[in-house]
Amino acid sequence: MKSKMITAMSIIMLVGLMFLGYFIIPIGIPICGIIGLTYGIKTKDKSFTKWSFAALLLGVCCLIYTLTTIYSM
């Protein structure tokens, strides 16, 4: 089941990359982090939860940086 979740997250990122280009990075990383976090909590997988939370924090930081860059233009 873990491999299916990772495959779903990679499909989300690849499809987003095809349609939005590099703008998917600040959007897709938090989405994949939330998906992974819910799966990790549901299955009580501590390693998956830890890395998904790290991805969520990284994604939120990227999103804040992107928004501040856009607003400063």
Protein backbone atom coordinates (compact mmCIF):
# COMPACT_ATOMS: atom_id res chain seq x y z
CA MET A 1 0.00 0.00 0.00
CA LYS A 2 2.90 2.35 0.71
CA SER A 3 4.15 1.99 -2.85
CA LYS A 4 0.69 2.91 -4.17
CA MET A 5 0.70 6.08 -2.08
CA ILE A 6 4.15 7.06 -3.32
CA THR A 7 3.05 6.32 -6.89
CA ALA A 8 -0.05 8.51 -6.44
CA MET A 9 2.08 11.37 -5.10
CA SER A 10 4.50 11.09 -8.00
CA ILE A 11 1.64 11.07 -10.51
CA ILE A 12 0.25 14.24 -8.91
CA MET A 13 3.63 15.94 -9.25
CA LEU A 14 4.20 14.76 -12.84
CA VAL A 15 0.75 15.75 -14.07
CA GLY A 16 1.11 19.10 -12.34
CA LEU A 17 4.53 19.56 -13.90
CA MET A 18 3.03 18.93 -17.34
CA PHE A 19 0.23 21.47 -16.86
CA LEU A 20 1.72 24.13 -14.59
CA GLY A 21 5.44 23.73 -15.07
CA TYR A 22 7.62 24.62 -12.13
CA PHE A 23 4.75 26.42 -10.41
CA ILE A 24 3.60 23.00 -9.19
CA ILE A 25 6.47 22.80 -6.70
CA PRO A 26 5.01 25.20 -4.10
CA ILE A 27 1.54 23.75 -4.68
CA GLY A 28 2.23 20.04 -5.15
CA ILE A 29 4.64 19.44 -2.27
CA PRO A 30 2.13 20.49 0.42
CA ILE A 31 -0.61 18.46 -1.28
CA CYS A 32 1.59 15.37 -1.35
CA GLY A 33 2.67 16.06 2.22
CA ILE A 34 -0.93 16.16 3.40
CA ILE A 35 -1.76 12.96 1.52
CA GLY A 36 1.27 11.21 2.99
CA LEU A 37 0.56 12.54 6.47
CA THR A 38 -3.00 11.24 6.45
CA TYR A 39 -1.80 7.85 5.21
CA GLY A 40 0.98 7.70 7.80
CA ILE A 41 -1.38 8.58 10.65
CA LYS A 42 -4.01 6.14 9.41
CA THR A 43 -1.58 3.21 9.20
CA LYS A 44 0.51 4.34 12.20
CA ASP A 45 3.71 4.33 10.13
CA LYS A 46 6.05 6.63 12.05
CA SER A 47 8.71 6.89 9.35
CA PHE A 48 6.20 7.78 6.63
CA THR A 49 4.50 10.29 8.94
CA LYS A 50 7.81 11.92 9.83
CA TRP A 51 8.94 12.37 6.23
CA SER A 52 5.51 13.51 5.08
CA PHE A 53 5.47 16.14 7.82
CA ALA A 54 8.93 17.29 6.69
CA ALA A 55 7.65 17.53 3.10
CA LEU A 56 4.63 19.49 4.30
CA LEU A 57 6.84 21.98 6.15
CA LEU A 58 9.12 22.32 3.12
CA GLY A 59 6.12 22.86 0.88
CA VAL A 60 4.65 25.52 3.13
CA CYS A 61 8.02 27.31 3.18
CA CYS A 62 8.17 27.16 -0.63
CA LEU A 63 4.62 28.47 -0.85
CA ILE A 64 5.36 31.39 1.49
CA TYR A 65 8.53 32.23 -0.45
CA THR A 66 6.69 32.09 -3.77
CA LEU A 67 3.86 34.31 -2.55
CA THR A 68 6.23 36.89 -1.07
CA THR A 69 8.21 36.92 -4.31
CA ILE A 70 5.06 37.44 -6.38
CA TYR A 71 3.75 40.20 -4.11
CA SER A 72 7.08 42.05 -4.15
CA MET A 73 6.99 42.45 -7.94
